[in-house]
Amino acid sequence: MRTVRRSQLREIVPLSDTTIYEMEQRGEFPRRFNLTPRCVVWDLAEVEAWVQARRNASSAGTLETAPGPDVRSRKTRPVKSDRE
């Protein structure tokens, strides 16, 4: 079994630490485990399988995307561009 540390994981999965943590809590991302009290790692095979599953879901069109912002609910107008 090969493992990856946080810095190596960031190279594979370009998500923030907070996003990864929240996805782990929801069961949407492979769980980390402690090698020592101060060293956490992820199983590389599980991470690669997760990336492949996301790639397959994206290709098949079954991956849910986040909704765009509702611009009608803005309280203020955006900053005017210098083109006006």
PDB file of N, CA and C in Angstrom:
ATOM      1  N   MET A   1       0.845  -1.181   0.000  1.00  0.00           N
ATOM      2  CA  MET A   1       0.000   0.000   0.000  1.00  0.00           C
ATOM      3  C   MET A   1       0.888   1.241   0.000  1.00  0.00           C
ATOM      4  N   ARG A   2       0.584   2.159  -0.909  1.00  0.00           N
ATOM      5  CA  ARG A   2       1.275   3.450  -0.926  1.00  0.00           C
ATOM      6  C   ARG A   2       0.369   4.492  -0.322  1.00  0.00           C
ATOM      7  N   THR A   3       0.975   5.410   0.391  1.00  0.00           N
ATOM      8  CA  THR A   3       0.220   6.490   1.020  1.00  0.00           C
ATOM      9  C   THR A   3       0.751   7.824   0.530  1.00  0.00           C
ATOM     10  N   VAL A   4      -0.087   8.855   0.665  1.00  0.00           N
ATOM     11  CA  VAL A   4       0.326  10.208   0.307  1.00  0.00           C
ATOM     12  C   VAL A   4       0.047  11.140   1.478  1.00  0.00           C
ATOM     13  N   ARG A   5       0.944  12.077   1.643  1.00  0.00           N
ATOM     14  CA  ARG A   5       0.759  13.085   2.677  1.00  0.00           C
ATOM     15  C   ARG A   5      -0.026  14.250   2.092  1.00  0.00           C
ATOM     16  N   ARG A   6      -0.346  15.211   2.925  1.00  0.00           N
ATOM     17  CA  ARG A   6      -1.189  16.336   2.526  1.00  0.00           C
ATOM     18  C   ARG A   6      -0.616  17.090   1.320  1.00  0.00           C
ATOM     19  N   SER A   7       0.677  17.379   1.321  1.00  0.00           N
ATOM     20  CA  SER A   7       1.264  18.131   0.201  1.00  0.00           C
ATOM     21  C   SER A   7       1.155  17.360  -1.107  1.00  0.00           C
ATOM     22  N   GLN A   8       1.355  16.045  -1.060  1.00  0.00           N
ATOM     23  CA  GLN A   8       1.221  15.227  -2.266  1.00  0.00           C
ATOM     24  C   GLN A   8      -0.235  15.126  -2.694  1.00  0.00           C
ATOM     25  N   LEU A   9      -1.144  15.075  -1.725  1.00  0.00           N
ATOM     26  CA  LEU A   9      -2.565  15.008  -2.039  1.00  0.00           C
ATOM     27  C   LEU A   9      -3.016  16.264  -2.775  1.00  0.00           C
ATOM     28  N   ARG A  10      -2.494  17.421  -2.368  1.00  0.00           N
ATOM     29  CA  ARG A  10      -2.861  18.677  -3.032  1.00  0.00           C
ATOM     30  C   ARG A  10      -2.431  18.699  -4.490  1.00  0.00           C
ATOM     31  N   GLU A  11      -1.341  17.994  -4.833  1.00  0.00           N
ATOM     32  CA  GLU A  11      -0.908  17.918  -6.222  1.00  0.00           C
ATOM     33  C   GLU A  11      -1.859  17.052  -7.050  1.00  0.00           C
ATOM     34  N   ILE A  12      -2.444  16.041  -6.414  1.00  0.00           N
ATOM     35  CA  ILE A  12      -3.355  15.130  -7.109  1.00  0.00           C
ATOM     36  C   ILE A  12      -4.758  15.709  -7.179  1.00  0.00           C
ATOM     37  N   VAL A  13      -5.218  16.251  -6.055  1.00  0.00           N
ATOM     38  CA  VAL A  13      -6.584  16.771  -5.941  1.00  0.00           C
ATOM     39  C   VAL A  13      -6.496  18.254  -5.575  1.00  0.00           C
ATOM     40  N   PRO A  14      -6.764  19.151  -6.508  1.00  0.00           N
ATOM     41  CA  PRO A  14      -6.620  20.586  -6.232  1.00  0.00           C
ATOM     42  C   PRO A  14      -7.807  21.179  -5.468  1.00  0.00           C
ATOM     43  N   LEU A  15      -8.049  20.656  -4.273  1.00  0.00           N
ATOM     44  CA  LEU A  15      -9.106  21.173  -3.416  1.00  0.00           C
ATOM     45  C   LEU A  15      -8.480  21.692  -2.133  1.00  0.00           C
ATOM     46  N   SER A  16      -9.158  22.608  -1.471  1.00  0.00           N
ATOM     47  CA  SER A  16      -8.644  23.141  -0.211  1.00  0.00           C
ATOM     48  C   SER A  16      -8.749  22.099   0.889  1.00  0.00           C
ATOM     49  N   ASP A  17      -7.980  22.300   1.948  1.00  0.00           N
ATOM     50  CA  ASP A  17      -8.019  21.390   3.093  1.00  0.00           C
ATOM     51  C   ASP A  17      -9.418  21.318   3.691  1.00  0.00           C
ATOM     52  N   THR A  18     -10.074  22.461   3.771  1.00  0.00           N
ATOM     53  CA  THR A  18     -11.421  22.506   4.338  1.00  0.00           C
ATOM     54  C   THR A  18     -12.398  21.706   3.490  1.00  0.00           C
ATOM     55  N   THR A  19     -12.327  21.850   2.188  1.00  0.00           N
ATOM     56  CA  THR A  19     -13.220  21.120   1.297  1.00  0.00           C
ATOM     57  C   THR A  19     -12.993  19.615   1.415  1.00  0.00           C
ATOM     58  N   ILE A  20     -11.730  19.210   1.457  1.00  0.00           N
ATOM     59  CA  ILE A  20     -11.421  17.787   1.602  1.00  0.00           C
ATOM     60  C   ILE A  20     -11.956  17.274   2.927  1.00  0.00           C
ATOM     61  N   TYR A  21     -11.747  18.021   4.008  1.00  0.00           N
ATOM     62  CA  TYR A  21     -12.224  17.608   5.324  1.00  0.00           C
ATOM     63  C   TYR A  21     -13.749  17.449   5.322  1.00  0.00           C
ATOM     64  N   GLU A  22     -14.458  18.437   4.766  1.00  0.00           N
ATOM     65  CA  GLU A  22     -15.920  18.369   4.738  1.00  0.00           C
ATOM     66  C   GLU A  22     -16.404  17.201   3.890  1.00  0.00           C
ATOM     67  N   MET A  23     -15.728  16.931   2.771  1.00  0.00           N
ATOM     68  CA  MET A  23     -16.114  15.805   1.933  1.00  0.00           C
ATOM     69  C   MET A  23     -15.852  14.485   2.647  1.00  0.00           C
ATOM     70  N   GLU A  24     -14.786  14.404   3.414  1.00  0.00           N
ATOM     71  CA  GLU A  24     -14.510  13.200   4.213  1.00  0.00           C
ATOM     72  C   GLU A  24     -15.625  12.972   5.230  1.00  0.00           C
ATOM     73  N   GLN A  25     -16.061  14.045   5.884  1.00  0.00           N
ATOM     74  CA  GLN A  25     -17.110  13.933   6.892  1.00  0.00           C
ATOM     75  C   GLN A  25     -18.426  13.457   6.291  1.00  0.00           C
ATOM     76  N   ARG A  26     -18.703  13.857   5.039  1.00  0.00           N
ATOM     77  CA  ARG A  26     -19.933  13.431   4.360  1.00  0.00           C
ATOM     78  C   ARG A  26     -19.787  12.069   3.684  1.00  0.00           C
ATOM     79  N   GLY A  27     -18.583  11.493   3.715  1.00  0.00           N
ATOM     80  CA  GLY A  27     -18.349  10.204   3.080  1.00  0.00           C
ATOM     81  C   GLY A  27     -18.158  10.295   1.578  1.00  0.00           C
ATOM     82  N   GLU A  28     -17.807  11.477   1.070  1.00  0.00           N
ATOM     83  CA  GLU A  28     -17.642  11.686  -0.367  1.00  0.00           C
ATOM     84  C   GLU A  28     -16.186  11.644  -0.811  1.00  0.00           C
ATOM     85  N   PHE A  29     -15.266  11.433   0.107  1.00  0.00           N
ATOM     86  CA  PHE A  29     -13.840  11.423  -0.200  1.00  0.00           C
ATOM     87  C   PHE A  29     -13.177  10.385   0.694  1.00  0.00           C
ATOM     88  N   PRO A  30     -12.115   9.712   0.218  1.00  0.00           N
ATOM     89  CA  PRO A  30     -11.428   8.726   1.064  1.00  0.00           C
ATOM     90  C   PRO A  30     -10.975   9.331   2.391  1.00  0.00           C
ATOM     91  N   ARG A  31     -11.103   8.557   3.456  1.00  0.00           N
ATOM     92  CA  ARG A  31     -10.754   9.039   4.793  1.00  0.00           C
ATOM     93  C   ARG A  31      -9.249   8.984   5.012  1.00  0.00           C
ATOM     94  N   ARG A  32      -8.747   9.972   5.714  1.00  0.00           N
ATOM     95  CA  ARG A  32      -7.348   9.987   6.120  1.00  0.00           C
ATOM     96  C   ARG A  32      -7.175   9.081   7.335  1.00  0.00           C
ATOM     97  N   PHE A  33      -5.950   8.718   7.605  1.00  0.00           N
ATOM     98  CA  PHE A  33      -5.655   7.973   8.831  1.00  0.00           C
ATOM     99  C   PHE A  33      -4.297   8.412   9.358  1.00  0.00           C
ATOM    100  N   ASN A  34      -4.094   8.203  10.638  1.00  0.00           N
ATOM    101  CA  ASN A  34      -2.862   8.630  11.295  1.00  0.00           C
ATOM    102  C   ASN A  34      -1.803   7.537  11.220  1.00  0.00           C
ATOM    103  N   LEU A  35      -0.605   7.935  10.762  1.00  0.00           N
ATOM    104  CA  LEU A  35       0.543   7.041  10.866  1.00  0.00           C
ATOM    105  C   LEU A  35       1.194   7.216  12.234  1.00  0.00           C
ATOM    106  N   THR A  36       1.299   8.464  12.635  1.00  0.00           N
ATOM    107  CA  THR A  36       1.804   8.821  13.962  1.00  0.00           C
ATOM    108  C   THR A  36       0.854   9.876  14.504  1.00  0.00           C
ATOM    109  N   PRO A  37       1.012  10.291  15.756  1.00  0.00           N
ATOM    110  CA  PRO A  37       0.120  11.337  16.279  1.00  0.00           C
ATOM    111  C   PRO A  37       0.161  12.645  15.486  1.00  0.00           C
ATOM    112  N   ARG A  38       1.251  12.895  14.748  1.00  0.00           N
ATOM    113  CA  ARG A  38       1.369  14.163  14.023  1.00  0.00           C
ATOM    114  C   ARG A  38       1.425  14.004  12.507  1.00  0.00           C
ATOM    115  N   CYS A  39       1.176  12.814  12.000  1.00  0.00           N
ATOM    116  CA  CYS A  39       1.285  12.566  10.561  1.00  0.00           C
ATOM    117  C   CYS A  39       0.031  11.860  10.056  1.00  0.00           C
ATOM    118  N   VAL A  40      -0.733  12.563   9.199  1.00  0.00           N
ATOM    119  CA  VAL A  40      -1.905  11.948   8.585  1.00  0.00           C
ATOM    120  C   VAL A  40      -1.611  11.684   7.116  1.00  0.00           C
ATOM    121  N   VAL A  41      -2.164  10.587   6.599  1.00  0.00           N
ATOM    122  CA  VAL A  41      -1.952  10.202   5.206  1.00  0.00           C
ATOM    123  C   VAL A  41      -3.248   9.647   4.628  1.00  0.00           C
ATOM    124  N   TRP A  42      -3.279   9.550   3.308  1.00  0.00           N
ATOM    125  CA  TRP A  42      -4.392   8.949   2.586  1.00  0.00           C
ATOM    126  C   TRP A  42      -3.848   7.784   1.780  1.00  0.00           C
ATOM    127  N   ASP A  43      -4.662   6.770   1.572  1.00  0.00           N
ATOM    128  CA  ASP A  43      -4.288   5.629   0.738  1.00  0.00           C
ATOM    129  C   ASP A  43      -4.317   6.091  -0.719  1.00  0.00           C
ATOM    130  N   LEU A  44      -3.185   5.995  -1.403  1.00  0.00           N
ATOM    131  CA  LEU A  44      -3.078   6.477  -2.774  1.00  0.00           C
ATOM    132  C   LEU A  44      -4.050   5.756  -3.701  1.00  0.00           C
ATOM    133  N   ALA A  45      -4.220   4.455  -3.525  1.00  0.00           N
ATOM    134  CA  ALA A  45      -5.141   3.695  -4.391  1.00  0.00           C
ATOM    135  C   ALA A  45      -6.577   4.198  -4.232  1.00  0.00           C
ATOM    136  N   GLU A  46      -6.994   4.519  -2.996  1.00  0.00           N
ATOM    137  CA  GLU A  46      -8.342   5.040  -2.773  1.00  0.00           C
ATOM    138  C   GLU A  46      -8.519   6.411  -3.415  1.00  0.00           C
ATOM    139  N   VAL A  47      -7.499   7.265  -3.301  1.00  0.00           N
ATOM    140  CA  VAL A  47      -7.574   8.606  -3.896  1.00  0.00           C
ATOM    141  C   VAL A  47      -7.633   8.500  -5.414  1.00  0.00           C
ATOM    142  N   GLU A  48      -6.795   7.650  -6.002  1.00  0.00           N
ATOM    143  CA  GLU A  48      -6.808   7.486  -7.458  1.00  0.00           C
ATOM    144  C   GLU A  48      -8.133   6.911  -7.936  1.00  0.00           C
ATOM    145  N   ALA A  49      -8.714   5.982  -7.175  1.00  0.00           N
ATOM    146  CA  ALA A  49     -10.027   5.427  -7.534  1.00  0.00           C
ATOM    147  C   ALA A  49     -11.100   6.509  -7.457  1.00  0.00           C
ATOM    148  N   TRP A  50     -11.019   7.395  -6.465  1.00  0.00           N
ATOM    149  CA  TRP A  50     -11.976   8.494  -6.328  1.00  0.00           C
ATOM    150  C   TRP A  50     -11.865   9.439  -7.525  1.00  0.00           C
ATOM    151  N   VAL A  51     -10.628   9.787  -7.919  1.00  0.00           N
ATOM    152  CA  VAL A  51     -10.430  10.668  -9.072  1.00  0.00           C
ATOM    153  C   VAL A  51     -10.990  10.013 -10.332  1.00  0.00           C
ATOM    154  N   GLN A  52     -10.728   8.722 -10.516  1.00  0.00           N
ATOM    155  CA  GLN A  52     -11.238   8.018 -11.696  1.00  0.00           C
ATOM    156  C   GLN A  52     -12.763   7.985 -11.705  1.00  0.00           C
ATOM    157  N   ALA A  53     -13.372   7.760 -10.536  1.00  0.00           N
ATOM    158  CA  ALA A  53     -14.837   7.758 -10.455  1.00  0.00           C
ATOM    159  C   ALA A  53     -15.402   9.131 -10.808  1.00  0.00           C
ATOM    160  N   ARG A  54     -14.744  10.194 -10.352  1.00  0.00           N
ATOM    161  CA  ARG A  54     -15.197  11.548 -10.696  1.00  0.00           C
ATOM    162  C   ARG A  54     -15.049  11.798 -12.193  1.00  0.00           C
ATOM    163  N   ARG A  55     -13.968  11.319 -12.762  1.00  0.00           N
ATOM    164  CA  ARG A  55     -13.745  11.486 -14.209  1.00  0.00           C
ATOM    165  C   ARG A  55     -14.834  10.752 -14.989  1.00  0.00           C
ATOM    166  N   ASN A  56     -15.142   9.526 -14.572  1.00  0.00           N
ATOM    167  CA  ASN A  56     -16.187   8.738 -15.262  1.00  0.00           C
ATOM    168  C   ASN A  56     -17.557   9.406 -15.124  1.00  0.00           C
ATOM    169  N   ALA A  57     -17.862   9.908 -13.924  1.00  0.00           N
ATOM    170  CA  ALA A  57     -19.149  10.574 -13.710  1.00  0.00           C
ATOM    171  C   ALA A  57     -19.244  11.841 -14.541  1.00  0.00           C
ATOM    172  N   SER A  58     -18.138  12.557 -14.667  1.00  0.00           N
ATOM    173  CA  SER A  58     -18.130  13.783 -15.461  1.00  0.00           C
ATOM    174  C   SER A  58     -18.331  13.464 -16.940  1.00  0.00           C
ATOM    175  N   SER A  59     -17.681  12.424 -17.418  1.00  0.00           N
ATOM    176  CA  SER A  59     -17.822  12.026 -18.828  1.00  0.00           C
ATOM    177  C   SER A  59     -19.242  11.570 -19.136  1.00  0.00           C
ATOM    178  N   ALA A  60     -19.851  10.873 -18.181  1.00  0.00           N
ATOM    179  CA  ALA A  60     -21.207  10.364 -18.392  1.00  0.00           C
ATOM    180  C   ALA A  60     -22.269  11.433 -18.172  1.00  0.00           C
ATOM    181  N   GLY A  61     -21.866  12.572 -17.633  1.00  0.00           N
ATOM    182  CA  GLY A  61     -22.825  13.638 -17.385  1.00  0.00           C
ATOM    183  C   GLY A  61     -23.657  13.425 -16.142  1.00  0.00           C
ATOM    184  N   THR A  62     -23.231  12.545 -15.254  1.00  0.00           N
ATOM    185  CA  THR A  62     -23.998  12.277 -14.039  1.00  0.00           C
ATOM    186  C   THR A  62     -23.461  13.009 -12.824  1.00  0.00           C
ATOM    187  N   LEU A  63     -22.405  13.778 -12.990  1.00  0.00           N
ATOM    188  CA  LEU A  63     -21.816  14.522 -11.882  1.00  0.00           C
ATOM    189  C   LEU A  63     -22.636  15.776 -11.621  1.00  0.00           C
ATOM    190  N   GLU A  64     -23.063  15.950 -10.383  1.00  0.00           N
ATOM    191  CA  GLU A  64     -23.842  17.138 -10.031  1.00  0.00           C
ATOM    192  C   GLU A  64     -22.917  18.338  -9.927  1.00  0.00           C
ATOM    193  N   THR A  65     -23.332  19.436 -10.518  1.00  0.00           N
ATOM    194  CA  THR A  65     -22.562  20.675 -10.401  1.00  0.00           C
ATOM    195  C   THR A  65     -23.309  21.628  -9.488  1.00  0.00           C
ATOM    196  N   ALA A  66     -22.551  22.496  -8.875  1.00  0.00           N
ATOM    197  CA  ALA A  66     -23.159  23.469  -7.970  1.00  0.00           C
ATOM    198  C   ALA A  66     -23.960  24.482  -8.781  1.00  0.00           C
ATOM    199  N   PRO A  67     -25.085  24.922  -8.257  1.00  0.00           N
ATOM    200  CA  PRO A  67     -25.868  25.924  -8.987  1.00  0.00           C
ATOM    201  C   PRO A  67     -25.138  27.260  -9.016  1.00  0.00           C
ATOM    202  N   GLY A  68     -25.371  28.015 -10.056  1.00  0.00           N
ATOM    203  CA  GLY A  68     -24.776  29.346 -10.151  1.00  0.00           C
ATOM    204  C   GLY A  68     -25.446  30.297  -9.181  1.00  0.00           C
ATOM    205  N   PRO A  69     -24.808  31.425  -8.918  1.00  0.00           N
ATOM    206  CA  PRO A  69     -25.405  32.377  -7.981  1.00  0.00           C
ATOM    207  C   PRO A  69     -26.657  33.014  -8.571  1.00  0.00           C
ATOM    208  N   ASP A  70     -27.610  33.338  -7.724  1.00  0.00           N
ATOM    209  CA  ASP A  70     -28.828  34.010  -8.153  1.00  0.00           C
ATOM    210  C   ASP A  70     -28.546  35.510  -8.146  1.00  0.00           C
ATOM    211  N   VAL A  71     -28.253  36.047  -9.317  1.00  0.00           N
ATOM    212  CA  VAL A  71     -27.865  37.457  -9.397  1.00  0.00           C
ATOM    213  C   VAL A  71     -29.032  38.389  -9.091  1.00  0.00           C
ATOM    214  N   ARG A  72     -30.245  37.887  -9.149  1.00  0.00           N
ATOM    215  CA  ARG A  72     -31.392  38.734  -8.838  1.00  0.00           C
ATOM    216  C   ARG A  72     -31.490  39.038  -7.356  1.00  0.00           C
ATOM    217  N   SER A  73     -30.809  38.254  -6.516  1.00  0.00           N
ATOM    218  CA  SER A  73     -30.893  38.485  -5.073  1.00  0.00           C
ATOM    219  C   SER A  73     -29.785  39.400  -4.552  1.00  0.00           C
ATOM    220  N   ARG A  74     -29.006  39.990  -5.437  1.00  0.00           N
ATOM    221  CA  ARG A  74     -27.946  40.911  -5.014  1.00  0.00           C
ATOM    222  C   ARG A  74     -28.552  42.140  -4.366  1.00  0.00           C
ATOM    223  N   LYS A  75     -27.906  42.619  -3.323  1.00  0.00           N
ATOM    224  CA  LYS A  75     -28.381  43.818  -2.647  1.00  0.00           C
ATOM    225  C   LYS A  75     -27.754  45.078  -3.235  1.00  0.00           C
ATOM    226  N   THR A  76     -26.582  44.918  -3.843  1.00  0.00           N
ATOM    227  CA  THR A  76     -25.917  46.064  -4.478  1.00  0.00           C
ATOM    228  C   THR A  76     -25.540  45.699  -5.902  1.00  0.00           C
ATOM    229  N   ARG A  77     -25.260  46.706  -6.673  1.00  0.00           N
ATOM    230  CA  ARG A  77     -24.838  46.490  -8.058  1.00  0.00           C
ATOM    231  C   ARG A  77     -23.349  46.214  -8.092  1.00  0.00           C
ATOM    232  N   PRO A  78     -22.869  45.484  -9.093  1.00  0.00           N
ATOM    233  CA  PRO A  78     -21.431  45.261  -9.197  1.00  0.00           C
ATOM    234  C   PRO A  78     -20.702  46.558  -9.539  1.00  0.00           C
ATOM    235  N   VAL A  79     -19.429  46.593  -9.314  1.00  0.00           N
ATOM    236  CA  VAL A  79     -18.604  47.768  -9.621  1.00  0.00           C
ATOM    237  C   VAL A  79     -18.655  47.992 -11.123  1.00  0.00           C
ATOM    238  N   LYS A  80     -18.820  49.259 -11.509  1.00  0.00           N
ATOM    239  CA  LYS A  80     -18.873  49.563 -12.939  1.00  0.00           C
ATOM    240  C   LYS A  80     -17.513  49.365 -13.578  1.00  0.00           C
ATOM    241  N   SER A  81     -17.526  48.878 -14.795  1.00  0.00           N
ATOM    242  CA  SER A  81     -16.254  48.694 -15.506  1.00  0.00           C
ATOM    243  C   SER A  81     -15.802  50.042 -16.071  1.00  0.00           C
ATOM    244  N   ASP A  82     -14.563  50.134 -16.430  1.00  0.00           N
ATOM    245  CA  ASP A  82     -14.019  51.376 -16.968  1.00  0.00           C
ATOM    246  C   ASP A  82     -14.405  51.590 -18.434  1.00  0.00           C
ATOM    247  N   ARG A  83     -15.145  50.642 -19.010  1.00  0.00           N
ATOM    248  CA  ARG A  83     -15.590  50.777 -20.407  1.00  0.00           C
ATOM    249  C   ARG A  83     -16.774  51.742 -20.520  1.00  0.00           C
ATOM    250  N   GLU A  84     -17.444  52.037 -19.452  1.00  0.00           N
ATOM    251  CA  GLU A  84     -18.636  52.890 -19.518  1.00  0.00           C
ATOM    252  C   GLU A  84     -18.291  54.350 -19.417  1.00  0.00           C
TER     253      GLU A  84
END
